[in-house]
């Protein structure tokens, strides 16, 4: 059994997020000790892992709650859950493509700065110098 603090560290969540998700009913099998302290087993870790990834796709807590409820209903909701996951997969794919574009941009900027540092090209990255160097006529 794990504590909130241990679960937060394991899943790279804040303790606040773990408590928030459990308070919202997104971990249906949550156990508590005699002092009402949350205790997490493997199954509750699995629920929280799912919540984490659905949230990262931008899914609202209310929609995640609906998904959890569908899971608890069982096999009759498989098609509906499948469609939810497909939609979230598409969102995650778009996020991945955007992240790739961001990394490419940062790599190009880093390479540009390396060239400046080596003295291979002049510093053209300071906007304060652009007008002076561009010889703009009005």
Protein backbone atom coordinates (compact mmCIF):
# COMPACT_ATOMS: atom_id res chain seq x y z
CA UNK A 1 0.00 0.00 0.00
CA UNK A 2 1.16 3.49 -0.86
CA UNK A 3 0.56 6.89 0.70
CA UNK A 4 -0.44 10.05 -1.18
CA UNK A 5 3.16 11.24 -1.02
CA UNK A 6 4.52 7.97 -2.44
CA UNK A 7 1.90 7.86 -5.20
CA UNK A 8 2.60 11.46 -6.16
CA UNK A 9 6.28 10.65 -6.54
CA UNK A 10 5.66 7.38 -8.41
CA UNK A 11 3.30 8.98 -10.93
CA UNK A 12 4.97 12.40 -11.14
CA UNK A 13 1.90 14.19 -9.83
CA UNK A 14 1.56 16.69 -7.05
CA UNK A 15 0.12 15.50 -3.77
CA UNK A 16 -2.62 18.07 -4.29
CA UNK A 17 -3.51 16.50 -7.66
CA UNK A 18 -3.66 13.01 -6.13
CA UNK A 19 -6.00 14.23 -3.40
CA UNK A 20 -8.08 16.23 -5.87
CA UNK A 21 -8.55 13.27 -8.22
CA UNK A 22 -9.49 10.95 -5.38
CA UNK A 23 -11.92 13.51 -3.93
CA UNK A 24 -13.57 13.76 -7.35
CA UNK A 25 -14.18 10.00 -7.35
CA UNK A 26 -11.73 9.18 -10.12
CA UNK A 27 -10.22 6.32 -8.09
CA UNK A 28 -13.24 4.17 -7.31
CA UNK A 29 -11.49 1.54 -5.21
CA UNK A 30 -9.65 3.95 -2.94
CA UNK A 31 -9.00 2.53 0.50
CA UNK A 32 -8.53 4.41 3.76
CA UNK A 33 -6.96 3.39 7.04
CA UNK A 34 -8.54 3.75 10.48
CA UNK A 35 -7.46 7.42 10.52
CA UNK A 36 -9.15 8.04 7.15
CA UNK A 37 -5.75 8.36 5.41
CA UNK A 38 -5.82 7.44 1.72
CA UNK A 39 -4.08 4.17 0.88
CA UNK A 40 -3.31 3.12 -2.67
CA UNK A 41 -2.83 -0.38 -4.04
CA UNK A 42 -1.86 -1.48 -7.56
CA UNK A 43 -5.43 -1.12 -8.84
CA UNK A 44 -5.77 2.44 -7.52
CA UNK A 45 -2.39 3.28 -9.08
CA UNK A 46 -3.75 2.01 -12.40
CA UNK A 47 -6.81 4.28 -12.09
CA UNK A 48 -4.62 7.28 -11.29
CA UNK A 49 -2.28 6.51 -14.18
CA UNK A 50 -5.26 6.54 -16.53
CA UNK A 51 -6.51 9.79 -15.04
CA UNK A 52 -3.09 11.38 -15.45
CA UNK A 53 -2.88 10.56 -19.15
CA UNK A 54 -6.47 11.52 -19.92
CA UNK A 55 -5.91 14.83 -18.14
CA UNK A 56 -2.71 15.42 -20.12
CA UNK A 57 -4.78 15.10 -23.30
CA UNK A 58 -6.88 17.98 -22.04
CA UNK A 59 -9.84 15.91 -20.90
CA UNK A 60 -11.92 17.62 -18.20
CA UNK A 61 -12.33 16.07 -14.77
CA UNK A 62 -16.05 15.73 -15.49
CA UNK A 63 -15.36 13.80 -18.71
CA UNK A 64 -12.82 11.60 -16.92
CA UNK A 65 -15.45 10.91 -14.26
CA UNK A 66 -17.85 9.84 -17.01
CA UNK A 67 -15.16 7.54 -18.42
CA UNK A 68 -14.55 6.03 -14.96
CA UNK A 69 -18.29 5.45 -14.53
CA UNK A 70 -18.45 3.76 -17.93
CA UNK A 71 -15.56 1.49 -16.92
CA UNK A 72 -17.41 0.53 -13.76
CA UNK A 73 -20.54 -0.30 -15.76
CA UNK A 74 -18.61 -3.04 -17.50
CA UNK A 75 -18.63 -4.66 -20.90
CA UNK A 76 -21.75 -2.99 -22.23
CA UNK A 77 -19.81 0.30 -22.46
CA UNK A 78 -16.75 -0.96 -24.31
CA UNK A 79 -17.64 0.71 -27.62
CA UNK A 80 -18.26 4.04 -25.93
CA UNK A 81 -15.00 3.83 -23.97
CA UNK A 82 -13.15 2.84 -27.15
CA UNK A 83 -14.43 5.95 -28.92
CA UNK A 84 -13.35 8.14 -25.99
CA UNK A 85 -9.86 6.64 -26.09
CA UNK A 86 -9.62 7.08 -29.87
CA UNK A 87 -10.53 10.75 -29.50
CA UNK A 88 -7.94 11.24 -26.76
CA UNK A 89 -5.34 9.37 -28.82
CA UNK A 90 -5.93 11.82 -31.67
CA UNK A 91 -5.49 14.76 -29.30
CA UNK A 92 -2.27 13.22 -27.91
CA UNK A 93 -0.98 12.69 -31.46
CA UNK A 94 -1.56 16.37 -32.25
CA UNK A 95 0.23 17.35 -29.04
CA UNK A 96 3.15 15.12 -30.01
CA UNK A 97 3.42 16.73 -33.45
CA UNK A 98 3.38 20.19 -31.87
CA UNK A 99 6.06 19.10 -29.39
CA UNK A 100 8.19 17.84 -32.29
CA UNK A 101 7.84 21.21 -34.05
CA UNK A 102 8.83 22.97 -30.84
CA UNK A 103 11.91 20.78 -30.39
CA UNK A 104 12.94 21.35 -34.02
CA UNK A 105 12.61 25.11 -33.57
CA UNK A 106 14.69 25.02 -30.37
CA UNK A 107 17.35 22.85 -32.03
CA UNK A 108 17.62 25.35 -34.89
CA UNK A 109 17.87 28.25 -32.43
CA UNK A 110 20.54 26.43 -30.39
CA UNK A 111 22.53 25.69 -33.56
CA UNK A 112 22.24 29.34 -34.59
CA UNK A 113 23.55 30.49 -31.20
CA UNK A 114 26.43 28.00 -31.44
CA UNK A 115 27.43 29.56 -34.75
CA UNK A 116 27.35 33.03 -33.16
CA UNK A 117 29.42 31.84 -30.18
CA UNK A 118 31.99 30.29 -32.52
CA UNK A 119 32.22 33.61 -34.36
CA UNK A 120 31.05 32.08 -37.62
CA UNK A 121 28.18 34.57 -37.96
CA UNK A 122 27.35 37.93 -36.33
CA UNK A 123 24.84 38.20 -33.48
CA UNK A 124 21.56 38.77 -35.26
CA UNK A 125 19.41 37.62 -32.34
CA UNK A 126 19.09 40.92 -30.47
CA UNK A 127 15.93 42.77 -31.62
CA UNK A 128 17.32 46.00 -30.20
CA UNK A 129 19.98 46.01 -32.94
CA UNK A 130 17.76 45.02 -35.84
CA UNK A 131 16.81 48.52 -37.01
CA UNK A 132 20.41 49.73 -36.92
CA UNK A 133 21.66 46.78 -38.93
CA UNK A 134 18.76 46.58 -41.39
CA UNK A 135 19.14 50.15 -42.70
CA UNK A 136 15.40 50.65 -42.81
CA UNK A 137 14.19 53.72 -44.71
CA UNK A 138 10.86 55.26 -43.96
